[in-house]
Every structure is written in structure tokens, then in C-alpha cells.
Amino acid sequence: MNEIQEAIVERINSKYKNIGQDPNVHLEGLVWSKPITYWDYIQTDALLNLQTQRTTLPDEMVFIMYHQINELLFKMILWEIGQVSKNKDLTVAFFTEKLLRISRYFDMLSSSFSIMKDGMQPEQYLKFRNTLTPASGFQSAQYRLIEFASTELINLIDYRFRTNIDRNTPYEHAYNHLYWQAAGKDHATGKKSTLINLFEERHKDEFIRKMEEYNTINLWSKFKSLPEKDRTNTDLVNAMRHYDHTVNITWVMAHYYAAEKYLESNGKTAEATGGSDWKKYMHPKYQRRIFFPDLWSDEELKNWGENINEKERTARSNTIQAK
């Protein structure tokens, strides 16, 4: 045994002894273990068997797979946000690097929406979507977790109710006034649609726990906790602004234009599967959801979601310059 091999064996011994394990048992296990393969590691058989159509229409498979890809990317985004949120020694370089990773995932999501917008025949979509009611992409729990993890709760409250909610507001009350409640709740009567009721049966308890967990460790709070010199770092500010714009304008408008194509394809405006007024619910100029409001000028805030240019129409975002 040469010196390199001896060093490796010693490291193995130390590793297992430190956790109260017998190194020889683990070394013996290596004798009988199978070599790893790509398909075992990536679990391709399981992954490729997760697509189940509800109809005989071929383009439904595009719809299913695209949304599954979205959910995988949402998981990647949450993984990166978690590394920032739970970091007790956060540096500008680390924060910026993770934000750029997250933005690349959302850039990919935004630019890939052409798969949805141009990848299905409208007549097929309008048929298979009738089997989806009351399901809706609105019911992506991971997307809601990304929002909780990105900004302070007040920035996710329906714009009409923000003056009556602050940090002392109970989480349950704040939850009932989140901006996305407008997709399926009559605030005057409190009555919620089936879309919301089913969503809450599955996820409400988790959402309230996450609202509390991320209350002080969301990306916006972590940014504001940095020293002043770090909060003016150009690279970090650009990364924050790019992420905010990509998620809350570019990505939303990519979704909006895809919906517009299909839901208005027969000359009439169809209702969303969840029953919402999708034009007002989706368009950023109405929701005015902004993760990092202090990083935008008064003029930018005033015109949020207005004057969408061709870049947003094609869902291709460029780096947003700091003000």
C-alpha cells in the first residue's frame, strides 16, 4: 500500500470512528456493492413514468412535462435560497453568486415559456383543459414558498389591504390577505372557491409555518441586515434587481402571454381553470408584487408592469441596470 492509499484508509477510519461506526463493516460493504449507473443515480425510470395523461390528446403530454420541469426548477431555486437564508456569515460574494444562480433558473423558466406558448395546438389545449378544472398552476406550493423565502410578508399582501397589516398582525390574518387570494376569494364575503379550498386543505398549515420561518431570513431581510457598504455593492444590487424583475415581470408576463394566446384563441376570453379573472390576477401592473421595493426608483415603482416591451413578450430578460 503506497502513501496515498494509506492516507485514504486513515481518512476512512477517522470518518467512521467519529460517528461511532466500524470502518471494516463499511469497507466490507464496498466489496458487495454494485457499480453506480447513470440511470440508477438520476432515477430515470421513475422520472419518465411520472407523466399520466387524462385525455387522448397528444399535446397534453407537452403540458404535463413542461409543468413538471417547472417544479424541478422551483426546487432548485428553493435549494439556493435556503443556502442564503440559513447562512450566519453571509458575504456579498456568496449572496451575489446564489442570486445569479437563482436568476438563471428563472431566466430559463421565462425563456422556456415559448414551449407552452407555441408548443401546443390551441384546439387541443381548449379540449384537454376541460378535464383539469378546478386544478390550476396557481396551486404550485413550491412557487408560494419561493415568494415567502424571497421577501417580507407585507410585499405579498394584496395591495388593497397593506395599510391595515404590519409585523404584529397574526400570520393567519396575513395569510388570508395574500395577493393570490384574489384568484379565488371574495374579500367582501370571505367565500373561497374550490380552487383555494383544495389548495389550503393540502398546504395551508405548511404555508403558515414557512411564513413564520422566513419572517426574518427571507432574501430581502438578509439583504437589509448587511452592513451599509455591502448594501450598496453594485454587483449585489444588480443581482437583486434582476431577480425581482425576472420573477415579478418577465416570468409573469411570459405566463400571461401564453394564457392570452390560448384563452382568447376562439375570439372570446375564456375563464381560467381555477375560475379567476386571469387578466387582472396575472398582470403585474395590477398585483404590484415587488420583492425589493427600496431598490427601485419612485418612477420605476409607479410604472411597475407598464410599458412591457418586446423582450417581455418573448420572455427573454436582460440584466437590469441598477438605478
Protein backbone atom coordinates (compact mmCIF):
# COMPACT_ATOMS: atom_id res chain seq x y z
CA MET A 1 0.00 0.00 0.00
CA ASN A 2 1.50 3.34 -1.04
CA GLU A 3 1.35 6.59 0.93
CA ILE A 4 -1.71 7.92 -0.92
CA GLN A 5 -3.66 4.72 -0.25
CA GLU A 6 -2.63 4.75 3.40
CA ALA A 7 -3.81 8.33 3.75
CA ILE A 8 -7.18 7.48 2.21
CA VAL A 9 -7.65 4.47 4.50
CA GLU A 10 -6.79 6.63 7.51
CA ARG A 11 -9.37 9.23 6.48
CA ILE A 12 -11.98 6.49 6.09
CA ASN A 13 -11.11 5.14 9.55
CA SER A 14 -11.40 8.60 11.08
CA LYS A 15 -14.68 9.34 9.34
CA TYR A 16 -16.49 6.26 10.61
CA LYS A 17 -14.92 6.18 14.08
CA ASN A 18 -16.07 9.79 14.58
CA ILE A 19 -19.69 8.67 14.12
CA GLY A 20 -19.34 5.50 16.17
CA GLN A 21 -19.19 3.14 13.20
CA ASP A 22 -16.86 0.22 12.48
CA PRO A 23 -14.84 1.16 9.37
CA ASN A 24 -14.30 -2.51 8.50
CA VAL A 25 -18.04 -3.08 8.12
CA HIS A 26 -18.28 -0.25 5.59
CA LEU A 27 -15.19 -1.42 3.70
CA GLU A 28 -16.66 -4.93 3.55
CA GLY A 29 -19.84 -3.44 2.14
CA LEU A 30 -17.88 -1.97 -0.78
CA VAL A 31 -16.90 -5.50 -1.83
CA TRP A 32 -20.52 -6.41 -2.50
CA SER A 33 -21.90 -3.10 -3.76
CA LYS A 34 -22.94 -2.66 -7.39
CA PRO A 35 -21.25 -0.08 -9.61
CA ILE A 36 -23.36 3.07 -9.92
CA THR A 37 -25.02 3.76 -13.27
CA TYR A 38 -26.45 6.95 -14.72
CA TRP A 39 -29.99 5.58 -14.71
CA ASP A 40 -29.78 4.49 -11.08
CA TYR A 41 -28.27 7.76 -9.92
CA ILE A 42 -30.71 10.01 -11.82
CA GLN A 43 -33.64 7.62 -11.31
CA THR A 44 -34.63 7.98 -14.96
CA ASP A 45 -37.11 5.08 -14.90
CA ALA A 46 -39.07 6.70 -12.06
CA LEU A 47 -38.81 10.16 -13.61
CA LEU A 48 -40.01 9.08 -17.04
CA ASN A 49 -43.01 7.25 -15.61
CA LEU A 50 -44.48 10.28 -13.86
CA GLN A 51 -46.46 11.51 -16.88
CA THR A 52 -50.09 10.35 -16.92
CA GLN A 53 -52.48 11.86 -19.44
CA ARG A 54 -56.16 12.35 -18.64
CA THR A 55 -57.11 12.53 -22.34
CA THR A 56 -56.10 11.07 -25.71
CA LEU A 57 -54.90 14.45 -27.00
CA PRO A 58 -51.13 14.33 -27.73
CA ASP A 59 -50.35 17.91 -26.73
CA GLU A 60 -51.50 17.25 -23.19
CA MET A 61 -48.17 15.44 -22.71
CA VAL A 62 -46.33 18.69 -23.52
CA PHE A 63 -48.40 20.47 -20.90
CA ILE A 64 -47.71 17.86 -18.21
CA MET A 65 -43.97 17.56 -18.82
CA TYR A 66 -43.44 21.29 -19.02
CA HIS A 67 -45.07 21.85 -15.63
CA GLN A 68 -43.06 19.01 -14.10
CA ILE A 69 -39.88 20.67 -15.38
CA ASN A 70 -41.05 23.91 -13.75
CA GLU A 71 -41.45 22.16 -10.42
CA LEU A 72 -37.93 20.72 -10.64
CA LEU A 73 -36.56 24.19 -11.29
CA PHE A 74 -38.60 25.59 -8.39
CA LYS A 75 -36.94 23.00 -6.16
CA MET A 76 -33.50 24.14 -7.39
CA ILE A 77 -34.44 27.75 -6.61
CA LEU A 78 -35.56 26.90 -3.08
CA TRP A 79 -32.34 24.94 -2.57
CA GLU A 80 -30.24 28.00 -3.44
CA ILE A 81 -32.37 30.43 -1.41
CA GLY A 82 -32.01 28.17 1.61
CA GLN A 83 -28.24 28.47 1.46
CA VAL A 84 -28.54 32.26 1.74
CA SER A 85 -31.33 32.32 4.32
CA LYS A 86 -29.60 29.97 6.72
CA ASN A 87 -26.12 31.41 6.31
CA LYS A 88 -24.97 33.11 9.52
CA ASP A 89 -21.78 34.55 7.98
CA LEU A 90 -23.19 35.91 4.75
CA THR A 91 -20.79 37.69 2.41
CA VAL A 92 -21.57 39.86 -0.59
CA ALA A 93 -19.79 37.44 -2.92
CA PHE A 94 -21.75 34.43 -1.67
CA PHE A 95 -25.08 36.31 -1.74
CA THR A 96 -24.44 37.57 -5.27
CA GLU A 97 -23.38 34.17 -6.56
CA LYS A 98 -26.53 32.49 -5.23
CA LEU A 99 -28.80 35.25 -6.59
CA LEU A 100 -27.24 34.87 -10.03
CA ARG A 101 -27.84 31.13 -9.89
CA ILE A 102 -31.46 31.67 -8.88
CA SER A 103 -31.94 34.26 -11.62
CA ARG A 104 -30.50 31.88 -14.23
CA TYR A 105 -33.13 29.33 -13.22
CA PHE A 106 -35.88 31.93 -13.56
CA ASP A 107 -34.41 33.22 -16.82
CA MET A 108 -34.63 29.65 -18.08
CA LEU A 109 -38.22 29.37 -16.89
CA SER A 110 -39.13 32.64 -18.58
CA SER A 111 -37.47 31.93 -21.90
CA SER A 112 -38.80 28.37 -21.95
CA PHE A 113 -42.41 29.53 -21.84
CA SER A 114 -42.38 29.51 -25.63
CA ILE A 115 -42.70 25.73 -25.21
CA MET A 116 -46.12 26.40 -23.76
CA LYS A 117 -47.00 29.41 -25.89
CA ASP A 118 -46.02 27.91 -29.25
CA GLY A 119 -45.79 24.19 -28.50
CA MET A 120 -49.45 23.18 -28.34
CA GLN A 121 -52.35 23.41 -30.76
CA PRO A 122 -54.95 25.77 -29.25
CA GLU A 123 -57.81 23.47 -30.23
CA GLN A 124 -56.19 20.58 -28.35
CA TYR A 125 -55.48 22.72 -25.30
CA LEU A 126 -59.04 24.02 -25.13
CA LYS A 127 -60.28 20.44 -25.10
CA PHE A 128 -57.97 18.81 -22.56
CA ARG A 129 -58.07 21.80 -20.19
CA ASN A 130 -61.73 20.96 -19.53
CA THR A 131 -60.55 17.81 -17.74
CA LEU A 132 -58.30 19.87 -15.44
CA THR A 133 -60.88 22.05 -13.69
CA PRO A 134 -60.53 23.14 -10.90
CA ALA A 135 -56.79 22.40 -10.95
CA SER A 136 -54.51 25.32 -11.81
CA GLY A 137 -50.83 26.20 -11.92
CA PHE A 138 -51.85 28.62 -9.19
CA GLN A 139 -51.69 25.56 -6.91
CA SER A 140 -47.90 25.21 -7.12
CA ALA A 141 -46.92 25.11 -3.45
CA GLN A 142 -43.23 25.47 -4.25
CA TYR A 143 -43.85 28.75 -6.04
CA ARG A 144 -45.60 30.13 -2.96
CA LEU A 145 -42.65 29.01 -0.82
CA ILE A 146 -40.28 30.84 -3.17
CA GLU A 147 -42.30 34.01 -2.57
CA PHE A 148 -42.21 33.61 1.23
CA ALA A 149 -38.47 32.98 1.05
CA SER A 150 -37.78 35.98 -1.19
CA THR A 151 -39.35 38.96 0.53
CA GLU A 152 -41.02 40.33 3.63
CA LEU A 153 -44.63 39.28 4.03
CA ILE A 154 -46.01 42.79 3.62
CA ASN A 155 -44.82 42.77 0.00
CA LEU A 156 -47.01 39.74 -0.72
CA ILE A 157 -50.17 41.20 0.80
CA ASP A 158 -52.93 42.26 -1.58
CA TYR A 159 -52.20 45.91 -2.39
CA ARG A 160 -55.67 46.95 -1.16
CA PHE A 161 -55.02 45.75 2.40
CA ARG A 162 -51.40 46.66 3.12
CA THR A 163 -52.16 49.70 5.25
CA ASN A 164 -54.01 47.51 7.76
CA ILE A 165 -51.31 44.85 8.15
CA ASP A 166 -47.94 45.07 9.91
CA ARG A 167 -45.43 42.87 11.73
CA ASN A 168 -47.81 42.47 14.68
CA THR A 169 -50.57 41.04 12.50
CA PRO A 170 -51.26 37.34 13.21
CA TYR A 171 -49.92 35.10 10.46
CA GLU A 172 -53.36 33.61 9.81
CA HIS A 173 -54.83 37.06 9.16
CA ALA A 174 -51.93 38.00 6.88
CA TYR A 175 -52.29 34.69 5.05
CA ASN A 176 -55.94 35.42 4.30
CA HIS A 177 -54.92 38.71 2.66
CA LEU A 178 -52.07 37.45 0.47
CA TYR A 179 -52.27 38.82 -3.07
CA TRP A 180 -53.04 35.41 -4.60
CA GLN A 181 -56.19 35.02 -2.52
CA ALA A 182 -57.73 37.33 -5.13
CA ALA A 183 -57.64 34.45 -7.60
CA GLY A 184 -60.37 32.62 -5.74
CA LYS A 185 -61.77 34.57 -2.81
CA ASP A 186 -64.48 37.16 -2.45
CA HIS A 187 -62.96 39.50 0.17
CA ALA A 188 -66.36 41.10 0.82
CA THR A 189 -67.98 37.82 1.88
CA GLY A 190 -64.91 35.74 2.72
CA LYS A 191 -66.18 32.93 0.49
CA LYS A 192 -63.40 30.92 -1.17
CA SER A 193 -63.53 28.94 -4.39
CA THR A 194 -62.92 25.21 -4.70
CA LEU A 195 -59.51 26.10 -6.14
CA ILE A 196 -58.48 27.83 -2.90
CA ASN A 197 -60.20 25.38 -0.57
CA LEU A 198 -58.42 22.35 -2.05
CA PHE A 199 -55.11 24.20 -2.03
CA GLU A 200 -55.48 25.15 1.61
CA GLU A 201 -56.55 21.68 2.72
CA ARG A 202 -53.24 20.42 1.44
CA HIS A 203 -50.83 23.28 2.15
CA LYS A 204 -52.19 25.98 4.48
CA ASP A 205 -50.52 24.68 7.66
CA GLU A 206 -47.20 24.38 5.85
CA PHE A 207 -47.55 27.87 4.41
CA ILE A 208 -48.17 29.47 7.79
CA ARG A 209 -45.13 27.64 9.23
CA LYS A 210 -42.99 28.87 6.35
CA MET A 211 -44.32 32.43 6.65
CA GLU A 212 -43.08 32.42 10.22
CA GLU A 213 -39.80 30.65 9.42
CA TYR A 214 -38.86 33.10 6.67
CA ASN A 215 -40.11 36.17 8.52
CA THR A 216 -36.58 37.38 9.30
CA ILE A 217 -34.44 35.24 6.99
CA ASN A 218 -36.03 35.92 3.59
CA LEU A 219 -33.72 37.32 0.90
CA TRP A 220 -34.90 40.90 1.41
CA SER A 221 -34.41 40.76 5.18
CA LYS A 222 -30.98 39.16 4.74
CA PHE A 223 -30.01 41.95 2.33
CA LYS A 224 -31.18 44.66 4.74
CA SER A 225 -29.20 43.08 7.57
CA LEU A 226 -25.92 43.53 5.69
CA PRO A 227 -23.56 46.43 6.52
CA GLU A 228 -24.33 49.60 4.60
CA LYS A 229 -21.28 49.30 2.35
CA ASP A 230 -22.46 45.84 1.28
CA ARG A 231 -25.99 47.07 0.58
CA THR A 232 -24.56 49.50 -1.98
CA ASN A 233 -22.40 46.91 -3.72
CA THR A 234 -23.21 47.31 -7.43
CA ASP A 235 -22.99 43.62 -8.30
CA LEU A 236 -25.27 42.61 -5.45
CA VAL A 237 -27.81 45.38 -6.14
CA ASN A 238 -27.87 44.46 -9.84
CA ALA A 239 -28.40 40.81 -8.93
CA MET A 240 -31.25 41.70 -6.57
CA ARG A 241 -32.95 43.89 -9.16
CA HIS A 242 -32.50 41.34 -11.91
CA TYR A 243 -34.10 38.63 -9.77
CA ASP A 244 -37.01 40.88 -8.78
CA HIS A 245 -37.70 41.95 -12.36
CA THR A 246 -37.33 38.45 -13.76
CA VAL A 247 -39.72 36.84 -11.27
CA ASN A 248 -42.31 39.58 -10.98
CA ILE A 249 -42.43 40.93 -14.52
CA THR A 250 -40.65 38.78 -17.13
CA TRP A 251 -41.78 35.38 -15.82
CA VAL A 252 -45.31 36.60 -15.05
CA MET A 253 -45.72 38.19 -18.47
CA ALA A 254 -44.43 35.07 -20.24
CA HIS A 255 -47.21 33.18 -18.46
CA TYR A 256 -49.69 35.96 -19.25
CA TYR A 257 -48.99 35.95 -22.99
CA ALA A 258 -49.22 32.16 -23.18
CA ALA A 259 -52.60 32.31 -21.43
CA GLU A 260 -53.68 35.13 -23.73
CA LYS A 261 -52.91 33.06 -26.81
CA TYR A 262 -54.93 30.03 -25.72
CA LEU A 263 -57.74 31.58 -23.71
CA GLU A 264 -58.55 34.08 -26.44
CA SER A 265 -57.91 31.78 -29.39
CA ASN A 266 -61.58 31.31 -30.29
CA GLY A 267 -62.43 35.02 -30.33
CA LYS A 268 -63.71 35.06 -26.75
CA THR A 269 -61.91 35.36 -23.42
CA ALA A 270 -62.16 32.03 -21.62
CA GLU A 271 -62.13 31.71 -17.84
CA ALA A 272 -59.06 30.25 -16.15
CA THR A 273 -59.44 26.64 -14.96
CA GLY A 274 -59.40 27.90 -11.38
CA GLY A 275 -62.14 30.43 -12.15
CA SER A 276 -60.12 33.63 -11.68
CA ASP A 277 -60.20 36.83 -13.72
CA TRP A 278 -56.80 35.84 -15.06
CA LYS A 279 -56.01 39.11 -16.83
CA LYS A 280 -56.23 41.18 -13.66
CA TYR A 281 -54.84 38.46 -11.45
CA MET A 282 -51.75 37.79 -13.56
CA HIS A 283 -50.70 41.18 -14.89
CA PRO A 284 -48.02 42.79 -12.65
CA LYS A 285 -49.42 46.29 -13.04
CA TYR A 286 -52.47 45.16 -11.03
CA GLN A 287 -50.82 42.93 -8.45
CA ARG A 288 -47.80 45.20 -7.99
CA ARG A 289 -45.84 42.40 -6.37
CA ILE A 290 -42.29 43.67 -5.79
CA PHE A 291 -39.80 41.74 -3.69
CA PHE A 292 -37.24 44.51 -3.08
CA PRO A 293 -39.11 47.83 -3.28
CA ASP A 294 -36.32 50.04 -1.91
CA LEU A 295 -34.05 49.10 -4.83
CA TRP A 296 -36.31 50.79 -7.37
CA SER A 297 -36.83 54.48 -8.08
CA ASP A 298 -40.19 56.16 -7.48
CA GLU A 299 -40.73 56.29 -11.24
CA GLU A 300 -39.95 52.59 -11.65
CA LEU A 301 -42.33 51.70 -8.86
CA LYS A 302 -45.06 53.91 -10.30
CA ASN A 303 -44.77 52.24 -13.70
CA TRP A 304 -44.28 48.67 -12.45
CA GLY A 305 -45.52 46.26 -15.12
CA GLU A 306 -46.39 49.07 -17.53
CA ASN A 307 -44.94 49.55 -21.00
CA ILE A 308 -43.97 45.90 -21.38
CA ASN A 309 -41.62 45.73 -24.33
CA GLU A 310 -40.88 43.02 -26.85
CA LYS A 311 -38.29 41.42 -24.59
CA GLU A 312 -41.00 40.62 -22.09
CA ARG A 313 -43.30 39.44 -24.84
CA THR A 314 -40.71 36.88 -25.90
CA ALA A 315 -39.79 36.21 -22.26
CA ARG A 316 -36.10 36.94 -22.68
CA SER A 317 -34.74 39.09 -19.88
CA ASN A 318 -31.51 41.06 -19.88
CA THR A 319 -29.62 42.21 -16.86
CA ILE A 320 -31.41 45.11 -15.23
CA GLN A 321 -29.14 48.04 -14.50
CA ALA A 322 -29.07 49.50 -11.02
CA LYS A 323 -30.68 52.88 -10.67
